[in-house]
PDB file of all heavy atoms in Angstrom:
ATOM      1  N   GLY A   1      11.727 -56.755 -45.550  1.00  0.00           N
ATOM      2  CA  GLY A   1      11.940 -56.956 -44.136  1.00  0.00           C
ATOM      3  C   GLY A   1      13.251 -57.590 -43.746  1.00  0.00           C
ATOM      4  O   GLY A   1      13.595 -57.642 -42.570  1.00  0.00           O
ATOM      5  N   ALA A   2      14.013 -58.089 -44.727  1.00  0.00           N
ATOM      6  CA  ALA A   2      15.295 -58.718 -44.442  1.00  0.00           C
ATOM      7  C   ALA A   2      16.333 -57.655 -44.062  1.00  0.00           C
ATOM      8  O   ALA A   2      16.238 -56.498 -44.450  1.00  0.00           O
ATOM      9  CB  ALA A   2      15.775 -59.518 -45.624  1.00  0.00           C
ATOM     10  N   VAL A   3      17.330 -58.080 -43.326  1.00  0.00           N
ATOM     11  CA  VAL A   3      18.474 -57.216 -43.035  1.00  0.00           C
ATOM     12  C   VAL A   3      19.467 -57.362 -44.202  1.00  0.00           C
ATOM     13  O   VAL A   3      19.776 -58.482 -44.629  1.00  0.00           O
ATOM     14  CB  VAL A   3      19.177 -57.645 -41.718  1.00  0.00           C
ATOM     15  CG1 VAL A   3      20.460 -56.881 -41.491  1.00  0.00           C
ATOM     16  CG2 VAL A   3      18.218 -57.453 -40.538  1.00  0.00           C
ATOM     17  N   VAL A   4      19.930 -56.238 -44.713  1.00  0.00           N
ATOM     18  CA  VAL A   4      20.980 -56.265 -45.744  1.00  0.00           C
ATOM     19  C   VAL A   4      22.281 -55.898 -45.058  1.00  0.00           C
ATOM     20  O   VAL A   4      22.366 -54.894 -44.349  1.00  0.00           O
ATOM     21  CB  VAL A   4      20.677 -55.341 -46.933  1.00  0.00           C
ATOM     22  CG1 VAL A   4      20.451 -53.894 -46.517  1.00  0.00           C
ATOM     23  CG2 VAL A   4      21.775 -55.432 -47.997  1.00  0.00           C
ATOM     24  N   ALA A   5      23.287 -56.754 -45.213  1.00  0.00           N
ATOM     25  CA  ALA A   5      24.614 -56.515 -44.651  1.00  0.00           C
ATOM     26  C   ALA A   5      25.504 -55.932 -45.750  1.00  0.00           C
ATOM     27  O   ALA A   5      25.520 -56.444 -46.876  1.00  0.00           O
ATOM     28  CB  ALA A   5      25.195 -57.826 -44.126  1.00  0.00           C
ATOM     29  N   LEU A   6      26.249 -54.898 -45.396  1.00  0.00           N
ATOM     30  CA  LEU A   6      27.061 -54.173 -46.391  1.00  0.00           C
ATOM     31  C   LEU A   6      28.509 -54.078 -45.945  1.00  0.00           C
ATOM     32  O   LEU A   6      28.798 -53.975 -44.729  1.00  0.00           O
ATOM     33  CB  LEU A   6      26.491 -52.781 -46.618  1.00  0.00           C
ATOM     34  CG  LEU A   6      25.050 -52.742 -47.104  1.00  0.00           C
ATOM     35  CD1 LEU A   6      24.422 -51.402 -46.801  1.00  0.00           C
ATOM     36  CD2 LEU A   6      25.010 -53.052 -48.588  1.00  0.00           C
ATOM     37  N   ARG A   7      29.380 -54.003 -46.917  1.00  0.00           N
ATOM     38  CA  ARG A   7      30.807 -53.764 -46.693  1.00  0.00           C
ATOM     39  C   ARG A   7      31.111 -52.377 -47.275  1.00  0.00           C
ATOM     40  O   ARG A   7      31.408 -52.267 -48.441  1.00  0.00           O
ATOM     41  CB  ARG A   7      31.634 -54.840 -47.387  1.00  0.00           C
ATOM     42  CG  ARG A   7      31.405 -56.211 -46.810  1.00  0.00           C
ATOM     43  CD  ARG A   7      32.237 -57.260 -47.544  1.00  0.00           C
ATOM     44  NE  ARG A   7      32.083 -58.541 -46.886  1.00  0.00           N
ATOM     45  CZ  ARG A   7      31.676 -59.640 -47.518  1.00  0.00           C
ATOM     46  NH1 ARG A   7      31.379 -59.626 -48.801  1.00  0.00           N
ATOM     47  NH2 ARG A   7      31.542 -60.753 -46.831  1.00  0.00           N
ATOM     48  N   THR A   8      31.052 -51.366 -46.394  1.00  0.00           N
ATOM     49  CA  THR A   8      31.165 -49.985 -46.915  1.00  0.00           C
ATOM     50  C   THR A   8      32.511 -49.324 -46.691  1.00  0.00           C
ATOM     51  O   THR A   8      32.800 -48.309 -47.303  1.00  0.00           O
ATOM     52  CB  THR A   8      30.086 -49.085 -46.274  1.00  0.00           C
ATOM     53  OG1 THR A   8      30.337 -49.001 -44.859  1.00  0.00           O
ATOM     54  CG2 THR A   8      28.699 -49.621 -46.516  1.00  0.00           C
ATOM     55  N   SER A   9      33.351 -49.869 -45.824  1.00  0.00           N
ATOM     56  CA  SER A   9      34.614 -49.216 -45.512  1.00  0.00           C
ATOM     57  C   SER A   9      35.606 -49.378 -46.665  1.00  0.00           C
ATOM     58  O   SER A   9      35.896 -50.506 -47.078  1.00  0.00           O
ATOM     59  CB  SER A   9      35.245 -49.802 -44.232  1.00  0.00           C
ATOM     60  OG  SER A   9      36.530 -49.281 -44.040  1.00  0.00           O
ATOM     61  N   PRO A  10      36.125 -48.272 -47.195  1.00  0.00           N
ATOM     62  CA  PRO A  10      37.098 -48.409 -48.297  1.00  0.00           C
ATOM     63  C   PRO A  10      38.376 -49.119 -47.884  1.00  0.00           C
ATOM     64  O   PRO A  10      39.025 -49.737 -48.701  1.00  0.00           O
ATOM     65  CB  PRO A  10      37.405 -46.980 -48.691  1.00  0.00           C
ATOM     66  CG  PRO A  10      36.704 -46.081 -47.767  1.00  0.00           C
ATOM     67  CD  PRO A  10      35.862 -46.924 -46.855  1.00  0.00           C
ATOM     68  N   ARG A  11      38.708 -49.068 -46.597  1.00  0.00           N
ATOM     69  CA  ARG A  11      39.934 -49.752 -46.115  1.00  0.00           C
ATOM     70  C   ARG A  11      39.700 -51.165 -45.673  1.00  0.00           C
ATOM     71  O   ARG A  11      40.652 -51.929 -45.532  1.00  0.00           O
ATOM     72  CB  ARG A  11      40.525 -48.933 -44.966  1.00  0.00           C
ATOM     73  CG  ARG A  11      41.046 -47.579 -45.401  1.00  0.00           C
ATOM     74  CD  ARG A  11      41.573 -46.849 -44.251  1.00  0.00           C
ATOM     75  NE  ARG A  11      40.468 -46.634 -43.314  1.00  0.00           N
ATOM     76  CZ  ARG A  11      40.516 -45.864 -42.265  1.00  0.00           C
ATOM     77  NH1 ARG A  11      41.613 -45.250 -41.945  1.00  0.00           N
ATOM     78  NH2 ARG A  11      39.457 -45.679 -41.474  1.00  0.00           N
ATOM     79  N   HIS A  12      38.443 -51.572 -45.465  1.00  0.00           N
ATOM     80  CA  HIS A  12      38.168 -52.903 -44.932  1.00  0.00           C
ATOM     81  C   HIS A  12      37.015 -53.533 -45.711  1.00  0.00           C
ATOM     82  O   HIS A  12      35.992 -53.865 -45.167  1.00  0.00           O
ATOM     83  CB  HIS A  12      37.789 -52.813 -43.438  1.00  0.00           C
ATOM     84  CG  HIS A  12      38.824 -52.142 -42.611  1.00  0.00           C
ATOM     85  ND1 HIS A  12      40.016 -52.734 -42.285  1.00  0.00           N
ATOM     86  CD2 HIS A  12      38.847 -50.906 -42.038  1.00  0.00           C
ATOM     87  CE1 HIS A  12      40.745 -51.899 -41.555  1.00  0.00           C
ATOM     88  NE2 HIS A  12      40.054 -50.786 -41.393  1.00  0.00           N
ATOM     89  N   ARG A  13      37.184 -53.740 -46.984  1.00  0.00           N
ATOM     90  CA  ARG A  13      36.135 -54.312 -47.832  1.00  0.00           C
ATOM     91  C   ARG A  13      35.890 -55.791 -47.562  1.00  0.00           C
ATOM     92  O   ARG A  13      34.969 -56.370 -48.158  1.00  0.00           O
ATOM     93  CB  ARG A  13      36.503 -54.140 -49.308  1.00  0.00           C
ATOM     94  CG  ARG A  13      36.520 -52.726 -49.756  1.00  0.00           C
ATOM     95  CD  ARG A  13      35.228 -52.349 -50.375  1.00  0.00           C
ATOM     96  NE  ARG A  13      35.393 -51.025 -50.945  1.00  0.00           N
ATOM     97  CZ  ARG A  13      34.481 -50.104 -50.872  1.00  0.00           C
ATOM     98  NH1 ARG A  13      33.345 -50.362 -50.281  1.00  0.00           N
ATOM     99  NH2 ARG A  13      34.674 -48.909 -51.391  1.00  0.00           N
ATOM    100  N   ASP A  14      36.663 -56.392 -46.699  1.00  0.00           N
ATOM    101  CA  ASP A  14      36.503 -57.836 -46.472  1.00  0.00           C
ATOM    102  C   ASP A  14      35.526 -58.149 -45.350  1.00  0.00           C
ATOM    103  O   ASP A  14      35.339 -59.322 -45.016  1.00  0.00           O
ATOM    104  CB  ASP A  14      37.858 -58.478 -46.208  1.00  0.00           C
ATOM    105  CG  ASP A  14      38.575 -57.843 -45.014  1.00  0.00           C
ATOM    106  OD1 ASP A  14      38.361 -56.648 -44.757  1.00  0.00           O
ATOM    107  OD2 ASP A  14      39.346 -58.542 -44.358  1.00  0.00           O
ATOM    108  N   PHE A  15      34.889 -57.137 -44.737  1.00  0.00           N
ATOM    109  CA  PHE A  15      33.937 -57.454 -43.671  1.00  0.00           C
ATOM    110  C   PHE A  15      32.773 -56.492 -43.585  1.00  0.00           C
ATOM    111  O   PHE A  15      32.839 -55.374 -44.073  1.00  0.00           O
ATOM    112  CB  PHE A  15      34.650 -57.554 -42.298  1.00  0.00           C
ATOM    113  CG  PHE A  15      35.307 -56.294 -41.827  1.00  0.00           C
ATOM    114  CD1 PHE A  15      34.600 -55.309 -41.209  1.00  0.00           C
ATOM    115  CD2 PHE A  15      36.676 -56.136 -42.035  1.00  0.00           C
ATOM    116  CE1 PHE A  15      35.218 -54.150 -40.767  1.00  0.00           C
ATOM    117  CE2 PHE A  15      37.298 -54.982 -41.584  1.00  0.00           C
ATOM    118  CZ  PHE A  15      36.563 -54.003 -40.960  1.00  0.00           C
ATOM    119  N   VAL A  16      31.705 -56.974 -42.983  1.00  0.00           N
ATOM    120  CA  VAL A  16      30.472 -56.210 -42.830  1.00  0.00           C
ATOM    121  C   VAL A  16      30.651 -55.123 -41.780  1.00  0.00           C
ATOM    122  O   VAL A  16      31.108 -55.392 -40.685  1.00  0.00           O
ATOM    123  CB  VAL A  16      29.315 -57.164 -42.403  1.00  0.00           C
ATOM    124  CG1 VAL A  16      28.044 -56.383 -42.069  1.00  0.00           C
ATOM    125  CG2 VAL A  16      29.027 -58.193 -43.492  1.00  0.00           C
ATOM    126  N   ASP A  17      30.277 -53.885 -42.160  1.00  0.00           N
ATOM    127  CA  ASP A  17      30.375 -52.795 -41.187  1.00  0.00           C
ATOM    128  C   ASP A  17      29.136 -51.901 -41.216  1.00  0.00           C
ATOM    129  O   ASP A  17      29.098 -50.862 -40.531  1.00  0.00           O
ATOM    130  CB  ASP A  17      31.622 -51.947 -41.458  1.00  0.00           C
ATOM    131  CG  ASP A  17      31.588 -51.241 -42.804  1.00  0.00           C
ATOM    132  OD1 ASP A  17      30.783 -51.634 -43.684  1.00  0.00           O
ATOM    133  OD2 ASP A  17      32.373 -50.308 -43.000  1.00  0.00           O
ATOM    134  N   HIS A  18      28.115 -52.282 -41.970  1.00  0.00           N
ATOM    135  CA  HIS A  18      26.908 -51.473 -42.041  1.00  0.00           C
ATOM    136  C   HIS A  18      25.718 -52.364 -42.381  1.00  0.00           C
ATOM    137  O   HIS A  18      25.877 -53.369 -43.056  1.00  0.00           O
ATOM    138  CB  HIS A  18      27.079 -50.390 -43.101  1.00  0.00           C
ATOM    139  CG  HIS A  18      25.970 -49.396 -43.177  1.00  0.00           C
ATOM    140  ND1 HIS A  18      25.549 -48.671 -42.063  1.00  0.00           N
ATOM    141  CD2 HIS A  18      25.171 -49.008 -44.203  1.00  0.00           C
ATOM    142  CE1 HIS A  18      24.556 -47.858 -42.422  1.00  0.00           C
ATOM    143  NE2 HIS A  18      24.298 -48.053 -43.702  1.00  0.00           N
ATOM    144  N   VAL A  19      24.525 -51.971 -41.903  1.00  0.00           N
ATOM    145  CA  VAL A  19      23.307 -52.753 -42.156  1.00  0.00           C
ATOM    146  C   VAL A  19      22.120 -51.843 -42.431  1.00  0.00           C
ATOM    147  O   VAL A  19      22.145 -50.665 -42.082  1.00  0.00           O
ATOM    148  CB  VAL A  19      22.974 -53.677 -40.964  1.00  0.00           C
ATOM    149  CG1 VAL A  19      23.972 -54.798 -40.833  1.00  0.00           C
ATOM    150  CG2 VAL A  19      22.873 -52.879 -39.650  1.00  0.00           C
ATOM    151  N   GLY A  20      21.129 -52.370 -43.082  1.00  0.00           N
ATOM    152  CA  GLY A  20      19.874 -51.681 -43.349  1.00  0.00           C
ATOM    153  C   GLY A  20      18.728 -52.696 -43.428  1.00  0.00           C
ATOM    154  O   GLY A  20      18.950 -53.882 -43.195  1.00  0.00           O
ATOM    155  N   VAL A  21      17.547 -52.219 -43.788  1.00  0.00           N
ATOM    156  CA  VAL A  21      16.382 -53.104 -43.913  1.00  0.00           C
ATOM    157  C   VAL A  21      15.833 -52.987 -45.339  1.00  0.00           C
ATOM    158  O   VAL A  21      15.616 -51.894 -45.833  1.00  0.00           O
ATOM    159  CB  VAL A  21      15.283 -52.707 -42.903  1.00  0.00           C
ATOM    160  CG1 VAL A  21      14.025 -53.554 -43.117  1.00  0.00           C
ATOM    161  CG2 VAL A  21      15.785 -52.840 -41.475  1.00  0.00           C
ATOM    162  N   VAL A  22      15.615 -54.134 -45.957  1.00  0.00           N
ATOM    163  CA  VAL A  22      15.098 -54.202 -47.334  1.00  0.00           C
ATOM    164  C   VAL A  22      13.602 -53.844 -47.355  1.00  0.00           C
ATOM    165  O   VAL A  22      12.823 -54.344 -46.532  1.00  0.00           O
ATOM    166  CB  VAL A  22      15.294 -55.613 -47.921  1.00  0.00           C
ATOM    167  CG1 VAL A  22      14.695 -55.730 -49.321  1.00  0.00           C
ATOM    168  CG2 VAL A  22      16.790 -55.968 -47.939  1.00  0.00           C
ATOM    169  N   PHE A  23      13.225 -52.968 -48.297  1.00  0.00           N
ATOM    170  CA  PHE A  23      11.807 -52.629 -48.493  1.00  0.00           C
ATOM    171  C   PHE A  23      11.168 -53.474 -49.582  1.00  0.00           C
ATOM    172  O   PHE A  23      10.053 -53.924 -49.459  1.00  0.00           O
ATOM    173  CB  PHE A  23      11.634 -51.166 -48.902  1.00  0.00           C
ATOM    174  CG  PHE A  23      11.552 -50.229 -47.731  1.00  0.00           C
ATOM    175  CD1 PHE A  23      12.375 -49.114 -47.670  1.00  0.00           C
ATOM    176  CD2 PHE A  23      10.673 -50.439 -46.699  1.00  0.00           C
ATOM    177  CE1 PHE A  23      12.304 -48.253 -46.614  1.00  0.00           C
ATOM    178  CE2 PHE A  23      10.580 -49.558 -45.631  1.00  0.00           C
ATOM    179  CZ  PHE A  23      11.425 -48.459 -45.588  1.00  0.00           C
ATOM    180  N   ASP A  24      11.877 -53.660 -50.680  1.00  0.00           N
ATOM    181  CA  ASP A  24      11.384 -54.455 -51.780  1.00  0.00           C
ATOM    182  C   ASP A  24      12.580 -55.021 -52.551  1.00  0.00           C
ATOM    183  O   ASP A  24      13.700 -54.964 -52.013  1.00  0.00           O
ATOM    184  CB  ASP A  24      10.422 -53.656 -52.692  1.00  0.00           C
ATOM    185  CG  ASP A  24      11.039 -52.378 -53.261  1.00  0.00           C
ATOM    186  OD1 ASP A  24      12.255 -52.372 -53.528  1.00  0.00           O
ATOM    187  OD2 ASP A  24      10.302 -51.411 -53.417  1.00  0.00           O
ATOM    188  N   SER A  25      12.407 -55.518 -53.727  1.00  0.00           N
ATOM    189  CA  SER A  25      13.505 -56.182 -54.423  1.00  0.00           C
ATOM    190  C   SER A  25      14.639 -55.258 -54.807  1.00  0.00           C
ATOM    191  O   SER A  25      15.707 -55.718 -55.184  1.00  0.00           O
ATOM    192  CB  SER A  25      12.971 -56.902 -55.653  1.00  0.00           C
ATOM    193  OG  SER A  25      12.435 -55.959 -56.552  1.00  0.00           O
ATOM    194  N   CYS A  26      14.435 -53.940 -54.711  1.00  0.00           N
ATOM    195  CA  CYS A  26      15.515 -53.047 -55.160  1.00  0.00           C
ATOM    196  C   CYS A  26      15.776 -51.854 -54.230  1.00  0.00           C
ATOM    197  O   CYS A  26      16.626 -51.039 -54.546  1.00  0.00           O
ATOM    198  CB  CYS A  26      15.243 -52.544 -56.569  1.00  0.00           C
ATOM    199  SG  CYS A  26      13.778 -51.572 -56.750  1.00  0.00           S
ATOM    200  N   ARG A  27      15.114 -51.762 -53.084  1.00  0.00           N
ATOM    201  CA  ARG A  27      15.343 -50.609 -52.190  1.00  0.00           C
ATOM    202  C   ARG A  27      15.522 -51.073 -50.739  1.00  0.00           C
ATOM    203  O   ARG A  27      14.932 -52.041 -50.309  1.00  0.00           O
ATOM    204  CB  ARG A  27      14.165 -49.641 -52.246  1.00  0.00           C
ATOM    205  CG  ARG A  27      13.982 -48.964 -53.585  1.00  0.00           C
ATOM    206  CD  ARG A  27      12.810 -48.059 -53.602  1.00  0.00           C
ATOM    207  NE  ARG A  27      11.617 -48.880 -53.352  1.00  0.00           N
ATOM    208  CZ  ARG A  27      10.451 -48.397 -52.933  1.00  0.00           C
ATOM    209  NH1 ARG A  27      10.279 -47.136 -52.743  1.00  0.00           N
ATOM    210  NH2 ARG A  27       9.419 -49.193 -52.748  1.00  0.00           N
ATOM    211  N   PHE A  28      16.311 -50.263 -50.008  1.00  0.00           N
ATOM    212  CA  PHE A  28      16.488 -50.516 -48.582  1.00  0.00           C
ATOM    213  C   PHE A  28      16.599 -49.190 -47.851  1.00  0.00           C
ATOM    214  O   PHE A  28      16.911 -48.167 -48.435  1.00  0.00           O
ATOM    215  CB  PHE A  28      17.709 -51.394 -48.315  1.00  0.00           C
ATOM    216  CG  PHE A  28      19.041 -50.700 -48.462  1.00  0.00           C
ATOM    217  CD1 PHE A  28      19.800 -50.416 -47.332  1.00  0.00           C
ATOM    218  CD2 PHE A  28      19.543 -50.381 -49.710  1.00  0.00           C
ATOM    219  CE1 PHE A  28      21.042 -49.791 -47.448  1.00  0.00           C
ATOM    220  CE2 PHE A  28      20.783 -49.752 -49.836  1.00  0.00           C
ATOM    221  CZ  PHE A  28      21.524 -49.455 -48.706  1.00  0.00           C
TER     222      PHE A  28
END
């Protein structure tokens, strides 16, 4: 249920630009 914050931009790896929701310890 937690929000996972991701840094997905290849040009801007220093900041969060994408999010998802965690299902369990290894999937979102």
